């Protein structure tokens, strides 16, 4: 009798899982309580589906495709491989939702115009490329970030000088784990070539503040306009570098 009950229970569980797996994507998005019109063109199921358009946090993506990873349910996570198209860009990665509101993203690759991601950052132009092995978010803040952000062709403002630096290409490398609730995310800034040599740090503080501190030095091929702009930062050190400090929000 006990074996029959166990078999019946297993059969019922399998049936429920199958029913959930076959739920249309539009039903699942409705259960999630997303705002009306946040998603459109839904097709497929929980396991594999597509949204032709998805609006989240003021950003529009689409089409968005997902394939869930059922095995991660055994670890108490809901995980899926996601591919999303952005305006002039893309985002790919594996997203896992765990208890406590933690969001873990692995194997993240993304590309987009910098203006699409941070229109109020003060910089102009530029193409952003991101590659993160791991990114963990909780309650809107970053707990772990292991990866690199690269920006090509960006013009940096110098508010104190009323001038601009650039265009240039830069990289910010992050290797932060288990950050506290009050700790800013710190990355190492460097240039990736061009007329301006930059080295320093970038601090990102919730919710959307940033601070850049470092040294900027013109390379021999730097044009006179760039050298003049750097002079507005103040006197150079004996090696020709100028202190660079930029802060703002995005």
C-alpha atoms as a PDB file:
ATOM      1  CA  UNK A   1       0.000   0.000   0.000  1.00  0.00           C
ATOM      2  CA  UNK A   2       2.828   2.389   0.896  1.00  0.00           C
ATOM      3  CA  UNK A   3       4.524   1.762  -2.443  1.00  0.00           C
ATOM      4  CA  UNK A   4       1.271   2.470  -4.261  1.00  0.00           C
ATOM      5  CA  UNK A   5       0.945   5.786  -2.433  1.00  0.00           C
ATOM      6  CA  UNK A   6       4.514   6.723  -3.265  1.00  0.00           C
ATOM      7  CA  UNK A   7       3.987   5.884  -6.919  1.00  0.00           C
ATOM      8  CA  UNK A   8       0.731   7.816  -6.957  1.00  0.00           C
ATOM      9  CA  UNK A   9       2.424  10.801  -5.323  1.00  0.00           C
ATOM     10  CA  UNK A  10       5.291  10.694  -7.800  1.00  0.00           C
ATOM     11  CA  UNK A  11       2.844  10.449 -10.673  1.00  0.00           C
ATOM     12  CA  UNK A  12       0.853  13.423  -9.394  1.00  0.00           C
ATOM     13  CA  UNK A  13       4.031  15.488  -8.971  1.00  0.00           C
ATOM     14  CA  UNK A  14       5.128  14.616 -12.486  1.00  0.00           C
ATOM     15  CA  UNK A  15       1.711  15.621 -13.806  1.00  0.00           C
ATOM     16  CA  UNK A  16       1.828  18.983 -12.015  1.00  0.00           C
ATOM     17  CA  UNK A  17       5.330  19.688 -13.301  1.00  0.00           C
ATOM     18  CA  UNK A  18       4.224  18.816 -16.816  1.00  0.00           C
ATOM     19  CA  UNK A  19       1.204  21.097 -16.561  1.00  0.00           C
ATOM     20  CA  UNK A  20       3.333  23.990 -15.324  1.00  0.00           C
ATOM     21  CA  UNK A  21       5.907  23.352 -18.034  1.00  0.00           C
ATOM     22  CA  UNK A  22       3.227  23.565 -20.702  1.00  0.00           C
ATOM     23  CA  UNK A  23       1.654  26.761 -19.384  1.00  0.00           C
ATOM     24  CA  UNK A  24       1.629  29.416 -22.108  1.00  0.00           C
ATOM     25  CA  UNK A  25       4.157  32.189 -21.566  1.00  0.00           C
ATOM     26  CA  UNK A  26       1.395  34.820 -21.541  1.00  0.00           C
ATOM     27  CA  UNK A  27      -0.214  33.115 -18.514  1.00  0.00           C
ATOM     28  CA  UNK A  28       3.082  33.072 -16.604  1.00  0.00           C
ATOM     29  CA  UNK A  29       3.761  36.770 -17.274  1.00  0.00           C
ATOM     30  CA  UNK A  30       0.259  37.545 -16.036  1.00  0.00           C
ATOM     31  CA  UNK A  31       0.891  35.643 -12.800  1.00  0.00           C
ATOM     32  CA  UNK A  32       4.141  37.572 -12.269  1.00  0.00           C
ATOM     33  CA  UNK A  33       2.078  40.749 -12.037  1.00  0.00           C
ATOM     34  CA  UNK A  34       3.988  42.789 -14.588  1.00  0.00           C
ATOM     35  CA  UNK A  35       2.387  46.138 -15.513  1.00  0.00           C
ATOM     36  CA  UNK A  36      -0.121  46.077 -18.338  1.00  0.00           C
ATOM     37  CA  UNK A  37       1.651  46.328 -21.655  1.00  0.00           C
ATOM     38  CA  UNK A  38       5.074  45.482 -20.200  1.00  0.00           C
ATOM     39  CA  UNK A  39       5.322  42.430 -22.443  1.00  0.00           C
ATOM     40  CA  UNK A  40       3.859  41.803 -25.858  1.00  0.00           C
ATOM     41  CA  UNK A  41       4.119  39.182 -28.558  1.00  0.00           C
ATOM     42  CA  UNK A  42       4.418  36.354 -26.040  1.00  0.00           C
ATOM     43  CA  UNK A  43       4.724  32.825 -27.354  1.00  0.00           C
ATOM     44  CA  UNK A  44       6.009  29.461 -26.172  1.00  0.00           C
ATOM     45  CA  UNK A  45       5.961  27.990 -22.666  1.00  0.00           C
ATOM     46  CA  UNK A  46       7.675  28.303 -19.297  1.00  0.00           C
ATOM     47  CA  UNK A  47      10.494  26.069 -20.534  1.00  0.00           C
ATOM     48  CA  UNK A  48      11.121  27.840 -23.816  1.00  0.00           C
ATOM     49  CA  UNK A  49       9.512  31.019 -25.069  1.00  0.00           C
ATOM     50  CA  UNK A  50       9.775  34.442 -26.662  1.00  0.00           C
ATOM     51  CA  UNK A  51       8.578  37.969 -25.923  1.00  0.00           C
ATOM     52  CA  UNK A  52       8.712  40.231 -28.952  1.00  0.00           C
ATOM     53  CA  UNK A  53       8.901  43.265 -26.655  1.00  0.00           C
ATOM     54  CA  UNK A  54       9.612  43.655 -22.944  1.00  0.00           C
ATOM     55  CA  UNK A  55       9.694  46.953 -21.011  1.00  0.00           C
ATOM     56  CA  UNK A  56      11.441  46.917 -17.621  1.00  0.00           C
ATOM     57  CA  UNK A  57      12.710  49.853 -15.571  1.00  0.00           C
ATOM     58  CA  UNK A  58      12.227  52.301 -18.418  1.00  0.00           C
ATOM     59  CA  UNK A  59      14.208  50.130 -20.833  1.00  0.00           C
ATOM     60  CA  UNK A  60      12.759  48.335 -23.848  1.00  0.00           C
ATOM     61  CA  UNK A  61      14.124  45.010 -25.015  1.00  0.00           C
ATOM     62  CA  UNK A  62      13.050  42.660 -27.728  1.00  0.00           C
ATOM     63  CA  UNK A  63      12.800  40.140 -28.905  1.00  0.00           C
ATOM     64  CA  UNK A  64      13.662  38.268 -25.690  1.00  0.00           C
ATOM     65  CA  UNK A  65      14.127  34.492 -25.790  1.00  0.00           C
ATOM     66  CA  UNK A  66      14.557  32.142 -22.831  1.00  0.00           C
ATOM     67  CA  UNK A  67      15.243  28.483 -22.164  1.00  0.00           C
ATOM     68  CA  UNK A  68      14.854  27.381 -18.562  1.00  0.00           C
ATOM     69  CA  UNK A  69      17.219  25.022 -16.745  1.00  0.00           C
ATOM     70  CA  UNK A  70      15.027  22.536 -14.830  1.00  0.00           C
ATOM     71  CA  UNK A  71      17.961  20.982 -12.941  1.00  0.00           C
ATOM     72  CA  UNK A  72      18.561  24.251 -11.075  1.00  0.00           C
ATOM     73  CA  UNK A  73      15.187  23.814  -9.362  1.00  0.00           C
ATOM     74  CA  UNK A  74      16.831  21.154  -7.196  1.00  0.00           C
ATOM     75  CA  UNK A  75      19.101  23.890  -5.800  1.00  0.00           C
ATOM     76  CA  UNK A  76      16.138  26.151  -5.021  1.00  0.00           C
ATOM     77  CA  UNK A  77      16.711  28.382  -8.031  1.00  0.00           C
ATOM     78  CA  UNK A  78      14.704  29.353 -11.083  1.00  0.00           C
ATOM     79  CA  UNK A  79      17.238  29.718 -13.883  1.00  0.00           C
ATOM     80  CA  UNK A  80      17.124  30.348 -17.611  1.00  0.00           C
ATOM     81  CA  UNK A  81      19.432  31.077 -20.506  1.00  0.00           C
ATOM     82  CA  UNK A  82      18.306  34.436 -21.889  1.00  0.00           C
ATOM     83  CA  UNK A  83      18.994  36.171 -25.194  1.00  0.00           C
ATOM     84  CA  UNK A  84      17.690  39.715 -25.638  1.00  0.00           C
ATOM     85  CA  UNK A  85      17.999  42.245 -28.419  1.00  0.00           C
ATOM     86  CA  UNK A  86      18.543  45.902 -27.489  1.00  0.00           C
ATOM     87  CA  UNK A  87      18.450  49.030 -29.643  1.00  0.00           C
ATOM     88  CA  UNK A  88      21.721  48.585 -31.568  1.00  0.00           C
ATOM     89  CA  UNK A  89      22.882  45.883 -29.172  1.00  0.00           C
ATOM     90  CA  UNK A  90      22.243  42.631 -27.310  1.00  0.00           C
ATOM     91  CA  UNK A  91      22.351  40.933 -23.893  1.00  0.00           C
ATOM     92  CA  UNK A  92      23.024  37.215 -23.393  1.00  0.00           C
ATOM     93  CA  UNK A  93      23.510  35.285 -20.177  1.00  0.00           C
ATOM     94  CA  UNK A  94      22.169  32.822 -17.629  1.00  0.00           C
ATOM     95  CA  UNK A  95      19.888  34.372 -15.004  1.00  0.00           C
ATOM     96  CA  UNK A  96      19.073  32.579 -11.748  1.00  0.00           C
ATOM     97  CA  UNK A  97      16.516  33.737  -9.168  1.00  0.00           C
ATOM     98  CA  UNK A  98      17.021  32.412  -5.638  1.00  0.00           C
ATOM     99  CA  UNK A  99      15.247  32.762  -2.302  1.00  0.00           C
ATOM    100  CA  UNK A 100      15.741  36.099  -0.575  1.00  0.00           C
ATOM    101  CA  UNK A 101      15.486  38.074  -3.787  1.00  0.00           C
ATOM    102  CA  UNK A 102      19.001  37.290  -4.973  1.00  0.00           C
ATOM    103  CA  UNK A 103      19.617  37.469  -8.718  1.00  0.00           C
ATOM    104  CA  UNK A 104      22.738  35.744 -10.062  1.00  0.00           C
ATOM    105  CA  UNK A 105      23.827  36.295 -13.658  1.00  0.00           C
ATOM    106  CA  UNK A 106      26.623  34.203 -15.151  1.00  0.00           C
ATOM    107  CA  UNK A 107      28.351  34.229 -18.532  1.00  0.00           C
ATOM    108  CA  UNK A 108      26.958  37.686 -19.240  1.00  0.00           C
ATOM    109  CA  UNK A 109      27.810  39.299 -22.561  1.00  0.00           C
ATOM    110  CA  UNK A 110      26.301  42.587 -23.702  1.00  0.00           C
ATOM    111  CA  UNK A 111      26.816  45.395 -26.173  1.00  0.00           C
ATOM    112  CA  UNK A 112      24.930  48.684 -26.555  1.00  0.00           C
ATOM    113  CA  UNK A 113      25.445  52.410 -27.123  1.00  0.00           C
ATOM    114  CA  UNK A 114      26.546  54.064 -23.878  1.00  0.00           C
ATOM    115  CA  UNK A 115      23.736  56.605 -24.242  1.00  0.00           C
ATOM    116  CA  UNK A 116      21.153  53.800 -24.067  1.00  0.00           C
ATOM    117  CA  UNK A 117      22.445  52.556 -20.721  1.00  0.00           C
ATOM    118  CA  UNK A 118      23.387  55.859 -19.059  1.00  0.00           C
ATOM    119  CA  UNK A 119      21.877  58.833 -20.891  1.00  0.00           C
ATOM    120  CA  UNK A 120      22.515  61.171 -17.963  1.00  0.00           C
ATOM    121  CA  UNK A 121      26.124  60.201 -17.224  1.00  0.00           C
ATOM    122  CA  UNK A 122      27.510  63.259 -18.995  1.00  0.00           C
ATOM    123  CA  UNK A 123      29.652  61.332 -21.462  1.00  0.00           C
ATOM    124  CA  UNK A 124      28.788  61.484 -25.139  1.00  0.00           C
ATOM    125  CA  UNK A 125      29.119  58.889 -27.863  1.00  0.00           C
ATOM    126  CA  UNK A 126      30.715  55.580 -27.104  1.00  0.00           C
ATOM    127  CA  UNK A 127      29.886  51.921 -27.528  1.00  0.00           C
ATOM    128  CA  UNK A 128      29.661  49.747 -24.424  1.00  0.00           C
ATOM    129  CA  UNK A 129      30.710  46.085 -24.305  1.00  0.00           C
ATOM    130  CA  UNK A 130      30.389  43.999 -21.136  1.00  0.00           C
ATOM    131  CA  UNK A 131      31.630  40.543 -20.234  1.00  0.00           C
ATOM    132  CA  UNK A 132      31.032  39.210 -16.708  1.00  0.00           C
ATOM    133  CA  UNK A 133      31.731  35.737 -15.401  1.00  0.00           C
ATOM    134  CA  UNK A 134      29.458  36.460 -12.444  1.00  0.00           C
ATOM    135  CA  UNK A 135      27.172  39.268 -11.346  1.00  0.00           C
ATOM    136  CA  UNK A 136      25.059  38.975  -8.178  1.00  0.00           C
ATOM    137  CA  UNK A 137      22.354  41.498  -7.276  1.00  0.00           C
ATOM    138  CA  UNK A 138      20.213  41.779  -4.161  1.00  0.00           C
ATOM    139  CA  UNK A 139      17.666  44.490  -3.344  1.00  0.00           C
ATOM    140  CA  UNK A 140      18.911  46.700  -6.162  1.00  0.00           C
ATOM    141  CA  UNK A 141      22.594  46.635  -5.194  1.00  0.00           C
ATOM    142  CA  UNK A 142      25.610  44.683  -6.412  1.00  0.00           C
ATOM    143  CA  UNK A 143      26.977  41.982  -4.114  1.00  0.00           C
ATOM    144  CA  UNK A 144      29.422  40.380  -6.537  1.00  0.00           C
ATOM    145  CA  UNK A 145      30.879  41.579  -9.828  1.00  0.00           C
ATOM    146  CA  UNK A 146      33.606  39.703 -11.664  1.00  0.00           C
ATOM    147  CA  UNK A 147      34.111  40.958 -15.178  1.00  0.00           C
ATOM    148  CA  UNK A 148      34.982  43.849 -17.453  1.00  0.00           C
ATOM    149  CA  UNK A 149      33.289  46.854 -19.014  1.00  0.00           C
ATOM    150  CA  UNK A 150      34.815  48.311 -22.175  1.00  0.00           C
ATOM    151  CA  UNK A 151      33.801  51.626 -23.731  1.00  0.00           C
ATOM    152  CA  UNK A 152      35.056  52.664 -27.153  1.00  0.00           C
ATOM    153  CA  UNK A 153      34.819  56.112 -28.741  1.00  0.00           C
ATOM    154  CA  UNK A 154      33.541  57.977 -25.678  1.00  0.00           C
ATOM    155  CA  UNK A 155      34.033  61.693 -24.933  1.00  0.00           C
ATOM    156  CA  UNK A 156      34.512  62.439 -21.214  1.00  0.00           C
ATOM    157  CA  UNK A 157      33.385  65.763 -19.726  1.00  0.00           C
ATOM    158  CA  UNK A 158      35.546  67.866 -17.413  1.00  0.00           C
ATOM    159  CA  UNK A 159      32.959  69.973 -15.533  1.00  0.00           C
ATOM    160  CA  UNK A 160      35.557  72.029 -13.654  1.00  0.00           C
ATOM    161  CA  UNK A 161      37.286  72.977 -16.886  1.00  0.00           C
ATOM    162  CA  UNK A 162      34.268  73.312 -19.124  1.00  0.00           C
ATOM    163  CA  UNK A 163      36.013  71.106 -21.662  1.00  0.00           C
ATOM    164  CA  UNK A 164      35.915  67.530 -22.914  1.00  0.00           C
ATOM    165  CA  UNK A 165      38.437  64.729 -23.286  1.00  0.00           C
ATOM    166  CA  UNK A 166      38.234  62.312 -26.136  1.00  0.00           C
ATOM    167  CA  UNK A 167      37.179  60.465 -28.002  1.00  0.00           C
ATOM    168  CA  UNK A 168      38.903  57.557 -26.316  1.00  0.00           C
ATOM    169  CA  UNK A 169      38.532  53.908 -25.386  1.00  0.00           C
ATOM    170  CA  UNK A 170      38.626  52.669 -21.813  1.00  0.00           C
ATOM    171  CA  UNK A 171      38.237  49.541 -19.723  1.00  0.00           C
ATOM    172  CA  UNK A 172      36.989  49.008 -16.164  1.00  0.00           C
ATOM    173  CA  UNK A 173      37.814  45.675 -14.510  1.00  0.00           C
ATOM    174  CA  UNK A 174      35.767  44.489 -11.508  1.00  0.00           C
ATOM    175  CA  UNK A 175      36.758  41.775  -9.036  1.00  0.00           C
ATOM    176  CA  UNK A 176      34.416  42.330  -6.097  1.00  0.00           C
ATOM    177  CA  UNK A 177      32.779  39.622  -3.991  1.00  0.00           C
ATOM    178  CA  UNK A 178      30.433  39.656  -0.999  1.00  0.00           C
ATOM    179  CA  UNK A 179      30.123  43.450  -0.831  1.00  0.00           C
ATOM    180  CA  UNK A 180      28.398  44.882   2.223  1.00  0.00           C
ATOM    181  CA  UNK A 181      25.205  46.902   1.947  1.00  0.00           C
ATOM    182  CA  UNK A 182      27.099  50.201   2.302  1.00  0.00           C
ATOM    183  CA  UNK A 183      30.148  49.322   0.214  1.00  0.00           C
ATOM    184  CA  UNK A 184      30.549  50.933  -3.214  1.00  0.00           C
ATOM    185  CA  UNK A 185      31.498  48.790  -6.169  1.00  0.00           C
ATOM    186  CA  UNK A 186      35.083  49.617  -7.159  1.00  0.00           C
ATOM    187  CA  UNK A 187      36.660  48.975 -10.535  1.00  0.00           C
ATOM    188  CA  UNK A 188      40.117  49.576 -11.961  1.00  0.00           C
ATOM    189  CA  UNK A 189      40.099  52.033 -14.851  1.00  0.00           C
ATOM    190  CA  UNK A 190      42.589  52.007 -17.702  1.00  0.00           C
ATOM    191  CA  UNK A 191      42.716  53.143 -21.308  1.00  0.00           C
ATOM    192  CA  UNK A 192      42.933  50.690 -24.186  1.00  0.00           C
ATOM    193  CA  UNK A 193      44.924  52.899 -26.529  1.00  0.00           C
ATOM    194  CA  UNK A 194      44.588  56.273 -28.165  1.00  0.00           C
ATOM    195  CA  UNK A 195      46.090  59.705 -27.469  1.00  0.00           C
ATOM    196  CA  UNK A 196      45.182  59.755 -23.747  1.00  0.00           C
ATOM    197  CA  UNK A 197      46.686  57.528 -21.071  1.00  0.00           C
ATOM    198  CA  UNK A 198      44.382  57.056 -18.071  1.00  0.00           C
ATOM    199  CA  UNK A 199      44.733  54.974 -14.911  1.00  0.00           C
ATOM    200  CA  UNK A 200      42.562  55.124 -11.796  1.00  0.00           C
ATOM    201  CA  UNK A 201      39.473  53.813 -10.060  1.00  0.00           C
ATOM    202  CA  UNK A 202      35.742  54.012 -10.608  1.00  0.00           C
ATOM    203  CA  UNK A 203      33.363  53.885  -7.628  1.00  0.00           C
ATOM    204  CA  UNK A 204      29.686  53.043  -8.180  1.00  0.00           C
ATOM    205  CA  UNK A 205      27.421  53.811  -5.238  1.00  0.00           C
ATOM    206  CA  UNK A 206      23.716  52.860  -5.076  1.00  0.00           C
ATOM    207  CA  UNK A 207      21.401  53.884  -6.394  1.00  0.00           C
ATOM    208  CA  UNK A 208      23.052  55.504  -9.453  1.00  0.00           C
ATOM    209  CA  UNK A 209      26.069  57.585  -8.407  1.00  0.00           C
ATOM    210  CA  UNK A 210      29.563  57.264  -9.810  1.00  0.00           C
ATOM    211  CA  UNK A 211      32.967  58.767  -9.075  1.00  0.00           C
ATOM    212  CA  UNK A 212      36.098  58.548 -11.208  1.00  0.00           C
ATOM    213  CA  UNK A 213      39.511  59.349  -9.781  1.00  0.00           C
ATOM    214  CA  UNK A 214      42.866  58.860 -11.431  1.00  0.00           C
ATOM    215  CA  UNK A 215      45.648  60.271 -13.551  1.00  0.00           C
ATOM    216  CA  UNK A 216      45.423  61.419 -17.178  1.00  0.00           C
ATOM    217  CA  UNK A 217      48.484  61.869 -19.356  1.00  0.00           C
ATOM    218  CA  UNK A 218      48.720  62.802 -23.034  1.00  0.00           C
ATOM    219  CA  UNK A 219      50.645  60.465 -25.260  1.00  0.00           C
ATOM    220  CA  UNK A 220      53.175  61.892 -27.749  1.00  0.00           C
ATOM    221  CA  UNK A 221      50.617  61.749 -30.566  1.00  0.00           C
ATOM    222  CA  UNK A 222      47.985  63.701 -28.577  1.00  0.00           C
ATOM    223  CA  UNK A 223      46.648  66.750 -30.478  1.00  0.00           C
ATOM    224  CA  UNK A 224      47.125  70.268 -29.055  1.00  0.00           C
ATOM    225  CA  UNK A 225      43.408  70.531 -28.201  1.00  0.00           C
ATOM    226  CA  UNK A 226      43.712  67.551 -25.871  1.00  0.00           C
ATOM    227  CA  UNK A 227      46.836  68.910 -24.209  1.00  0.00           C
ATOM    228  CA  UNK A 228      45.133  72.261 -23.659  1.00  0.00           C
ATOM    229  CA  UNK A 229      42.112  70.560 -22.095  1.00  0.00           C
ATOM    230  CA  UNK A 230      44.340  68.649 -19.685  1.00  0.00           C
ATOM    231  CA  UNK A 231      46.022  71.890 -18.617  1.00  0.00           C
ATOM    232  CA  UNK A 232      42.647  73.025 -17.312  1.00  0.00           C
ATOM    233  CA  UNK A 233      42.829  70.201 -14.749  1.00  0.00           C
ATOM    234  CA  UNK A 234      45.765  71.856 -13.028  1.00  0.00           C
ATOM    235  CA  UNK A 235      49.552  71.557 -13.040  1.00  0.00           C
ATOM    236  CA  UNK A 236      51.048  68.315 -14.264  1.00  0.00           C
ATOM    237  CA  UNK A 237      53.292  66.095 -12.176  1.00  0.00           C
ATOM    238  CA  UNK A 238      56.935  65.668 -13.250  1.00  0.00           C
ATOM    239  CA  UNK A 239      55.958  62.720 -15.460  1.00  0.00           C
ATOM    240  CA  UNK A 240      53.356  64.828 -17.301  1.00  0.00           C
ATOM    241  CA  UNK A 241      50.205  63.384 -15.642  1.00  0.00           C
ATOM    242  CA  UNK A 242      47.224  65.405 -14.412  1.00  0.00           C
ATOM    243  CA  UNK A 243      44.833  64.577 -11.581  1.00  0.00           C
ATOM    244  CA  UNK A 244      41.434  63.559 -12.931  1.00  0.00           C
ATOM    245  CA  UNK A 245      38.228  63.634 -10.872  1.00  0.00           C
ATOM    246  CA  UNK A 246      34.706  63.240 -12.266  1.00  0.00           C
ATOM    247  CA  UNK A 247      31.521  62.535 -10.296  1.00  0.00           C
ATOM    248  CA  UNK A 248      27.859  62.361 -11.190  1.00  0.00           C
ATOM    249  CA  UNK A 249      24.889  60.062 -11.596  1.00  0.00           C
ATOM    250  CA  UNK A 250      23.435  57.940 -14.358  1.00  0.00           C
END
